[in-house]
Protein backbone atom coordinates (compact mmCIF):
# COMPACT_ATOMS: atom_id res chain seq x y z
CA MET A 1 106.16 251.58 -40.15
CA PRO A 2 107.34 248.78 -37.84
CA GLU A 3 104.74 246.95 -35.79
CA PRO A 4 104.44 248.33 -32.24
CA GLU A 5 106.23 246.29 -29.60
CA TYR A 6 103.76 245.25 -26.94
CA GLY A 7 104.89 244.44 -23.43
CA ALA A 8 108.51 245.46 -24.01
CA GLY A 9 110.65 244.67 -21.00
CA THR A 10 111.33 241.78 -18.69
CA PRO A 11 108.53 240.40 -16.50
CA ALA A 12 110.16 242.00 -13.46
CA GLU A 13 110.30 245.39 -15.20
CA LEU A 14 106.69 245.18 -16.34
CA ILE A 15 105.49 244.15 -12.88
CA ALA A 16 107.51 246.97 -11.28
CA ALA A 17 105.94 249.50 -13.67
CA THR A 18 102.50 248.24 -12.66
CA GLY A 19 103.33 248.60 -9.00
CA ALA A 20 104.66 252.12 -9.49
CA HIS A 21 101.83 253.58 -11.53
CA SER A 22 98.70 251.50 -10.82
CA ALA A 23 96.53 251.84 -7.73
CA HIS A 24 97.06 248.74 -5.60
CA THR A 25 93.51 247.35 -5.78
CA TYR A 26 94.72 243.92 -6.92
CA HIS A 27 97.50 241.56 -5.89
CA PRO A 28 98.11 239.62 -9.12
CA LEU A 29 100.25 236.52 -9.35
CA PRO A 30 103.72 237.46 -10.67
CA VAL A 31 103.09 236.42 -14.27
CA VAL A 32 102.80 238.78 -17.25
CA ILE A 33 100.54 237.47 -20.02
CA ALA A 34 101.24 238.49 -23.61
CA SER A 35 98.93 236.22 -25.63
CA ALA A 36 96.31 233.52 -25.19
CA GLU A 37 94.19 231.04 -27.08
CA GLY A 38 91.64 228.49 -25.92
CA ALA A 39 92.52 227.39 -22.39
CA TRP A 40 96.17 228.45 -22.61
CA MET A 41 98.00 231.72 -21.95
CA THR A 42 101.59 232.63 -22.82
CA ASP A 43 103.74 235.08 -20.88
CA VAL A 44 106.19 237.65 -22.23
CA GLY A 45 109.00 235.12 -21.97
CA GLY A 46 107.16 232.52 -24.06
CA ARG A 47 106.15 230.20 -21.22
CA ARG A 48 102.69 228.63 -21.47
CA TYR A 49 100.19 228.42 -18.63
CA LEU A 50 96.93 226.50 -18.36
CA ASP A 51 94.17 228.96 -17.44
CA MET A 52 92.08 227.38 -14.68
CA LEU A 53 90.29 230.62 -13.76
CA ALA A 54 88.78 231.81 -17.07
CA GLY A 55 88.50 235.41 -15.98
CA TYR A 56 86.06 234.51 -13.18
CA SER A 57 83.84 232.90 -15.87
CA ALA A 58 84.12 235.80 -18.33
CA LEU A 59 86.09 233.43 -20.57
CA ASN A 60 83.69 230.48 -20.54
CA PHE A 61 84.28 230.01 -24.28
CA GLY A 62 88.06 230.33 -24.03
CA HIS A 63 90.52 232.97 -25.06
CA ARG A 64 90.05 234.44 -28.53
CA ASN A 65 87.26 232.05 -29.45
CA ARG A 66 87.17 232.02 -33.25
CA ARG A 67 83.41 232.57 -33.59
CA LEU A 68 83.41 235.46 -31.14
CA ILE A 69 86.47 237.15 -32.61
CA GLU A 70 84.97 236.90 -36.10
CA ALA A 71 81.71 238.40 -34.88
CA ALA A 72 83.59 241.27 -33.25
CA ARG A 73 85.75 241.89 -36.34
CA ALA A 74 82.72 241.99 -38.61
CA GLN A 75 81.00 244.52 -36.37
CA LEU A 76 84.17 246.63 -36.02
CA ASP A 77 84.00 247.22 -39.76
CA ARG A 78 80.43 248.55 -39.49
CA VAL A 79 79.64 250.54 -36.33
CA THR A 80 80.70 250.16 -32.69
CA LEU A 81 78.73 252.78 -30.76
CA THR A 82 75.62 254.85 -31.36
CA SER A 83 74.50 255.42 -27.74
CA ARG A 84 70.87 254.67 -26.98
CA ALA A 85 69.95 258.08 -28.44
CA PHE A 86 69.44 256.20 -31.71
CA HIS A 87 68.36 252.73 -32.76
CA HIS A 88 70.91 250.35 -34.26
CA ASP A 89 70.40 247.17 -36.25
CA ARG A 90 71.75 244.68 -33.67
CA PHE A 91 69.85 245.83 -30.61
CA GLY A 92 66.44 244.32 -31.31
CA ALA A 93 67.90 240.92 -32.16
CA PHE A 94 70.06 240.94 -29.03
CA CYS A 95 67.13 241.72 -26.72
CA THR A 96 64.87 239.19 -28.44
CA GLU A 97 67.41 236.35 -28.43
CA LEU A 98 68.54 236.92 -24.84
CA ALA A 99 64.96 237.16 -23.57
CA GLU A 100 64.13 233.87 -25.32
CA LEU A 101 67.25 232.16 -23.92
CA CYS A 102 66.11 233.17 -20.43
CA GLY A 103 62.44 232.40 -20.99
CA MET A 104 61.67 236.05 -20.23
CA GLU A 105 60.18 239.03 -22.08
CA MET A 106 62.40 242.08 -21.60
CA VAL A 107 66.10 242.93 -21.44
CA LEU A 108 67.81 245.97 -19.93
CA PRO A 109 71.43 245.92 -21.16
CA MET A 110 74.38 247.33 -19.24
CA ASN A 111 78.15 246.74 -19.32
CA THR A 112 79.59 245.23 -16.15
CA GLY A 113 78.20 242.82 -13.59
CA SER A 114 78.15 245.53 -10.94
CA GLU A 115 76.11 247.79 -13.21
CA ALA A 116 73.64 244.97 -13.79
CA VAL A 117 73.27 244.39 -10.05
CA GLU A 118 72.79 248.13 -9.46
CA THR A 119 70.14 248.06 -12.19
CA ALA A 120 68.44 245.08 -10.52
CA VAL A 121 68.37 246.98 -7.22
CA LYS A 122 66.77 250.00 -8.88
CA THR A 123 64.33 247.75 -10.72
CA ALA A 124 63.23 246.03 -7.52
CA ARG A 125 62.73 249.29 -5.66
CA LYS A 126 60.79 250.91 -8.49
CA TRP A 127 58.64 247.79 -8.87
CA GLY A 128 58.05 247.79 -5.12
CA TYR A 129 56.78 251.36 -5.12
CA LYS A 130 54.88 251.34 -8.42
CA VAL A 131 53.43 247.82 -8.39
CA LYS A 132 53.52 246.32 -4.90
CA GLY A 133 52.63 249.58 -3.20
CA VAL A 134 55.42 249.75 -0.61
CA PRO A 135 55.54 253.20 1.08
CA ASP A 136 58.07 255.55 -0.49
CA GLY A 137 61.58 255.10 0.88
CA MET A 138 60.72 251.90 2.77
CA ALA A 139 61.62 249.20 0.23
CA LYS A 140 63.82 246.39 1.57
CA ILE A 141 65.94 243.93 -0.39
CA VAL A 142 67.03 240.72 1.34
CA VAL A 143 70.53 239.42 0.58
CA ALA A 144 72.75 236.59 1.81
CA ALA A 145 75.82 236.77 4.02
CA ASN A 146 79.16 236.17 2.28
CA ASN A 147 77.68 237.48 -0.95
CA PHE A 148 79.67 239.05 -3.74
CA HIS A 149 77.64 241.15 -6.16
CA GLY A 150 80.24 243.78 -7.08
CA ARG A 151 82.13 246.72 -5.61
CA THR A 152 80.02 249.84 -6.05
CA THR A 153 79.11 251.89 -2.98
CA THR A 154 75.57 250.51 -2.84
CA ILE A 155 76.66 246.91 -3.33
CA ILE A 156 79.41 246.92 -0.71
CA SER A 157 76.86 248.38 1.70
CA PHE A 158 75.35 244.89 1.97
CA SER A 159 78.64 242.99 1.86
CA THR A 160 79.90 241.05 4.89
CA ASP A 161 83.50 241.03 3.61
CA PRO A 162 85.55 243.52 5.67
CA GLU A 163 88.06 244.04 2.83
CA ALA A 164 85.30 245.02 0.41
CA ARG A 165 83.35 247.14 2.89
CA ALA A 166 85.70 248.86 5.32
CA ASP A 167 86.31 252.63 5.06
CA TYR A 168 83.64 253.32 2.42
CA GLY A 169 80.79 254.52 4.62
CA PRO A 170 78.27 255.99 5.02
CA TYR A 171 76.52 252.97 3.60
CA THR A 172 73.36 252.70 1.55
CA PRO A 173 70.35 251.56 3.63
CA GLY A 174 67.52 249.31 2.52
CA PHE A 175 69.08 245.85 2.76
CA GLU A 176 68.77 242.98 5.23
CA ILE A 177 71.46 240.30 5.38
CA VAL A 178 70.52 236.72 6.31
CA PRO A 179 72.73 233.60 6.50
CA TYR A 180 73.13 231.82 3.16
CA GLY A 181 71.11 228.62 3.16
CA ASP A 182 69.07 229.50 6.27
CA LEU A 183 65.40 229.25 5.26
CA THR A 184 64.08 230.24 8.69
CA ALA A 185 66.02 233.50 8.59
CA MET A 186 64.85 234.16 5.04
CA ASP A 187 61.23 233.57 6.05
CA ALA A 188 61.52 236.05 8.92
CA ALA A 189 63.14 238.70 6.70
CA LEU A 190 60.37 238.70 4.08
CA THR A 191 58.19 241.28 5.79
CA ASP A 192 55.60 243.54 4.14
CA ASN A 193 58.13 246.07 2.80
CA ALA A 194 60.40 243.44 1.24
CA VAL A 195 60.53 243.93 -2.53
CA ALA A 196 63.18 241.41 -3.57
CA VAL A 197 65.56 238.65 -2.62
CA LEU A 198 68.90 239.12 -4.38
CA ILE A 199 70.92 235.93 -4.23
CA GLU A 200 73.68 233.98 -5.97
CA PRO A 201 72.49 230.43 -6.72
CA ILE A 202 76.12 229.47 -6.02
CA GLN A 203 78.33 231.90 -4.14
CA GLY A 204 81.50 232.21 -6.21
CA GLU A 205 83.77 234.65 -4.37
CA ALA A 206 82.88 233.02 -1.06
CA GLY A 207 84.53 229.80 -2.25
CA VAL A 208 81.99 228.28 -4.67
CA LEU A 209 79.41 227.63 -1.96
CA VAL A 210 76.42 225.53 -3.06
CA PRO A 211 73.27 226.03 -0.95
CA PRO A 212 71.59 223.05 0.76
CA PRO A 213 69.33 220.96 -1.50
CA GLY A 214 65.84 222.41 -1.63
CA TYR A 215 66.88 225.85 -0.38
CA LEU A 216 66.46 227.73 -3.66
CA PRO A 217 63.04 226.18 -4.45
CA ALA A 218 61.88 227.03 -0.92
CA VAL A 219 63.04 230.64 -1.29
CA ARG A 220 61.30 230.77 -4.66
CA GLU A 221 58.06 229.62 -3.04
CA LEU A 222 58.38 232.11 -0.18
CA THR A 223 58.94 235.00 -2.56
CA ARG A 224 55.94 233.96 -4.62
CA GLU A 225 53.73 233.76 -1.52
CA ARG A 226 54.88 237.18 -0.20
CA ASN A 227 54.77 239.00 -3.56
CA VAL A 228 58.55 239.54 -3.53
CA LEU A 229 60.85 239.37 -6.55
CA PHE A 230 63.37 236.51 -6.71
CA MET A 231 66.46 237.99 -8.38
CA ALA A 232 69.19 235.48 -9.31
CA ASP A 233 72.68 236.92 -9.71
CA GLU A 234 74.03 234.53 -12.35
CA VAL A 235 76.92 236.79 -13.37
CA GLN A 236 79.46 234.08 -12.51
CA SER A 237 77.30 230.96 -12.31
CA GLY A 238 75.31 231.48 -15.49
CA LEU A 239 75.74 230.79 -19.21
CA GLY A 240 77.04 227.24 -19.07
CA ARG A 241 79.49 227.27 -16.17
CA THR A 242 77.67 224.72 -13.99
CA GLY A 243 76.58 222.35 -16.75
CA ARG A 244 73.25 224.09 -17.31
CA THR A 245 72.53 227.43 -18.96
CA PHE A 246 71.70 228.79 -15.50
CA ALA A 247 72.67 227.41 -12.10
CA CYS A 248 69.07 227.86 -10.93
CA GLU A 249 68.06 225.07 -13.31
CA HIS A 250 69.76 222.46 -11.11
CA GLU A 251 67.01 223.07 -8.55
CA GLY A 252 64.20 223.59 -11.06
CA VAL A 253 63.94 227.26 -10.12
CA VAL A 254 62.90 230.05 -12.49
CA PRO A 255 63.54 233.46 -10.93
CA ASP A 256 61.65 236.66 -11.64
CA VAL A 257 64.89 238.37 -12.67
CA TYR A 258 68.18 237.12 -14.08
CA VAL A 259 71.26 239.27 -13.54
CA LEU A 260 73.85 238.38 -16.19
CA GLY A 261 77.34 239.47 -17.18
CA LYS A 262 80.87 238.14 -17.63
CA ALA A 263 80.46 235.27 -20.15
CA LEU A 264 77.78 237.25 -22.00
CA GLY A 265 80.62 239.29 -23.52
CA GLY A 266 82.61 236.19 -24.47
CA GLY A 267 85.82 237.58 -22.99
CA VAL A 268 85.86 240.17 -25.80
CA VAL A 269 83.86 243.13 -24.50
CA PRO A 270 82.01 243.84 -21.24
CA VAL A 271 78.33 242.98 -21.60
CA SER A 272 75.75 242.61 -18.85
CA ALA A 273 71.99 242.63 -18.62
CA VAL A 274 68.96 242.40 -16.39
CA VAL A 275 66.37 240.08 -17.91
CA SER A 276 62.80 239.80 -16.64
CA SER A 277 59.12 240.03 -17.50
CA ALA A 278 57.36 243.03 -18.96
CA ALA A 279 55.52 243.39 -15.65
CA VAL A 280 58.84 244.02 -13.88
CA LEU A 281 61.07 245.84 -16.38
CA GLY A 282 58.04 247.65 -17.74
CA VAL A 283 58.15 249.99 -14.72
CA PHE A 284 60.87 252.07 -16.41
CA ARG A 285 60.14 255.08 -18.59
CA PRO A 286 62.55 257.00 -20.88
CA GLY A 287 65.12 258.97 -18.91
CA GLU A 288 64.72 257.01 -15.66
CA HIS A 289 67.73 254.75 -16.20
CA GLY A 290 70.35 254.20 -18.89
CA SER A 291 73.93 253.70 -20.00
CA THR A 292 76.01 255.29 -22.76
CA PHE A 293 77.66 252.00 -23.72
CA GLY A 294 74.96 249.57 -22.60
CA GLY A 295 73.62 247.60 -25.57
CA ASN A 296 76.11 249.11 -28.03
CA PRO A 297 76.42 247.49 -31.49
CA LEU A 298 79.75 245.77 -30.78
CA ALA A 299 78.49 244.35 -27.49
CA CYS A 300 75.27 243.13 -29.11
CA ALA A 301 77.14 241.46 -31.99
CA VAL A 302 79.38 239.51 -29.63
CA ALA A 303 76.58 238.64 -27.22
CA LEU A 304 74.38 237.42 -30.09
CA GLU A 305 77.10 234.94 -31.00
CA VAL A 306 77.40 233.86 -27.36
CA ILE A 307 73.66 233.22 -27.28
CA ALA A 308 73.82 231.24 -30.53
CA MET A 309 76.62 229.09 -29.09
CA LEU A 310 74.64 228.42 -25.92
CA ARG A 311 71.55 227.44 -27.88
CA THR A 312 73.34 224.34 -29.19
CA GLY A 313 73.74 222.97 -25.66
CA GLU A 314 77.29 221.90 -26.52
CA PHE A 315 78.98 224.00 -23.87
CA GLN A 316 76.52 223.07 -21.15
CA ARG A 317 77.05 219.36 -21.90
CA ARG A 318 80.80 219.81 -21.94
CA ALA A 319 80.76 221.61 -18.60
CA ALA A 320 78.61 218.84 -17.12
CA GLU A 321 80.75 215.99 -18.44
CA LEU A 322 84.13 217.53 -17.66
CA GLY A 323 82.71 218.80 -14.38
CA ASP A 324 81.93 215.23 -13.34
CA ARG A 325 85.53 214.35 -14.13
CA LEU A 326 86.85 217.37 -12.23
CA HIS A 327 84.81 216.71 -9.11
CA HIS A 328 85.55 212.97 -9.14
CA GLU A 329 89.30 213.61 -9.21
CA LEU A 330 89.14 216.38 -6.63
CA GLY A 331 86.97 214.18 -4.43
CA LEU A 332 89.72 211.56 -4.35
CA LEU A 333 91.99 214.14 -2.69
CA VAL A 334 89.60 214.66 0.23
CA GLY A 335 90.40 212.68 3.32
CA GLY A 336 94.08 212.21 2.62
CA GLY A 337 95.05 215.19 4.73
CA ALA A 338 95.79 217.63 1.90
CA VAL A 339 92.27 218.68 0.90
CA LYS A 340 89.59 219.31 3.50
CA ARG A 341 86.55 219.97 1.30
CA VAL A 342 85.53 220.37 -2.33
CA ARG A 343 82.40 222.21 -3.43
CA GLY A 344 80.85 223.27 -6.71
CA ARG A 345 78.99 222.23 -9.84
CA GLY A 346 80.09 221.67 -13.40
CA LEU A 347 83.48 223.13 -14.27
CA TRP A 348 83.54 225.17 -11.08
CA ALA A 349 85.08 224.11 -7.80
CA GLY A 350 86.16 225.57 -4.51
CA VAL A 351 88.94 223.53 -2.92
CA ASP A 352 89.78 223.98 0.76
CA ILE A 353 93.46 223.13 1.19
CA ALA A 354 94.76 221.97 4.57
CA PRO A 355 96.09 225.20 6.14
CA GLU A 356 99.34 223.55 7.18
CA LEU A 357 100.19 223.10 3.49
CA GLY A 358 99.97 226.82 2.83
CA THR A 359 97.59 229.67 2.19
CA GLY A 360 95.50 229.80 -0.95
CA ARG A 361 97.89 232.41 -2.29
CA GLU A 362 100.91 230.17 -1.65
CA ILE A 363 99.24 227.19 -3.31
CA SER A 364 98.35 229.41 -6.30
CA GLU A 365 101.97 230.54 -6.59
CA ARG A 366 103.23 226.95 -6.49
CA LEU A 367 100.75 225.99 -9.19
CA MET A 368 101.90 228.96 -11.26
CA GLU A 369 105.46 227.66 -11.04
CA ARG A 370 104.18 224.40 -12.54
CA GLY A 371 102.29 226.19 -15.34
CA VAL A 372 98.75 226.34 -13.93
CA LEU A 373 96.91 229.56 -13.06
CA VAL A 374 94.17 229.59 -10.40
CA LYS A 375 92.97 232.15 -7.85
CA ASP A 376 92.77 231.96 -4.08
CA THR A 377 90.02 233.24 -1.84
CA HIS A 378 89.42 233.32 1.90
CA GLY A 379 92.45 231.76 3.51
CA SER A 380 93.44 228.36 2.12
CA THR A 381 90.73 228.04 -0.53
CA ILE A 382 91.49 228.00 -4.25
CA ARG A 383 88.94 228.29 -7.05
CA ILE A 384 89.09 226.17 -10.18
CA ALA A 385 87.05 227.35 -13.16
CA PRO A 386 88.71 226.55 -16.51
CA PRO A 387 87.23 227.65 -19.84
CA LEU A 388 84.50 225.27 -20.97
CA VAL A 389 86.58 224.51 -24.08
CA ILE A 390 89.41 222.91 -22.09
CA GLY A 391 90.48 219.51 -23.38
CA GLU A 392 90.31 216.37 -21.23
CA GLU A 393 94.07 215.87 -21.38
CA ASP A 394 94.68 219.49 -20.39
CA LEU A 395 92.27 219.21 -17.48
CA ASP A 396 93.92 215.98 -16.32
CA TRP A 397 97.35 217.58 -16.59
CA GLY A 398 96.21 220.58 -14.55
CA LEU A 399 94.91 218.25 -11.85
CA ASP A 400 98.23 216.39 -11.95
CA GLN A 401 99.98 219.65 -11.08
CA LEU A 402 97.63 220.20 -8.15
CA ARG A 403 98.41 216.68 -6.91
CA ALA A 404 102.12 217.42 -7.19
CA VAL A 405 101.82 220.67 -5.26
CA LEU A 406 99.89 218.82 -2.57
CA GLY A 407 102.50 216.07 -2.40
CA TRP A 408 100.70 213.49 -4.54
CA ALA A 409 102.40 211.62 -7.37
CA GLY A 410 101.38 211.95 -10.99
CA ALA A 411 102.57 215.31 -12.32
CA GLY A 412 103.16 215.11 -16.07
CA THR A 413 104.73 217.26 -18.75
CA VAL A 414 102.96 220.19 -20.32
CA PRO A 415 100.63 219.01 -23.14
CA ALA A 416 101.72 220.09 -26.62
């Protein structure tokens, strides 16, 4: 039999089919990807694009990373799903290795980042009632304004983004929103019924916002004093992106709970997890929470390889070194009228473009025309987050294209 023809049709035809038959929950750039490897993607017409988004950090190790693909293939030949009704031979190793990577004791595996955040919310409430002694139904979780933790009904209930929140009420109670980086407001919010602070150590969707120096350690100290859980949502910021295994490490902070996802699945399968101590995750009993696919053999096999890769420190060092290069070059653009601000850590940056040069969407489209793929957010901000495997020359070339779009000289040809 002939091989099936994937993506048959012109880009315009394929995009039109998407628009006709897919709910309009996304507004993708007008490019149709057919294949990818490393930091590069190729469209249906054969044109190559440098990926400077990395699937919102899900592709930290690049597209089709050889080690991860081999791990997945090997597991595909054995068993992919058992459900948690039975034990399987990869589960124990996955939980053990991930707990050790995090310096924790227990792992509760899920699939997506949103599921992990939902699990963290349930964990905090159950801990609050069973351990802290908060009156039933009174538990409060403190969150930060401009957060992005996912899109489930509960999570958007404590979002301050009108696009994410509007028209989905009634909303889930039990959350208090305080300004990100405001320690006084955080202090006031941590009343007797507070059970957790749920916070991104760097706010990704908001534009890669880094909190003021000392803020995270101060929140950590407040939560310790008030017997409140510090839950770090490291779904985007974790697993090497910022130059450390976890973004919290930049401030010397160890949370009570890590919420992980995206890169944990290596861009191959969705894998997420809540990782904590036995004192926290030990509140669950059989039947009180679960997931059909959470911790399945295929997910565990891939995630085990991700953990092994992170243990070498290679990817963290690479993100730190190339991140210094990225932020140095972006910093040179500030003050010349084209770029207003640059924020971020490691291979992660939010770049505020001068509004008169165009919206973030328009800048992203112009970069796409020059062979670079990024994503806009909030007006004239673009996010840059290439795979950690990107080469120096490729990174430099991608920055050349940004300079060209902004009216600077230096755009080169596409690297071979």
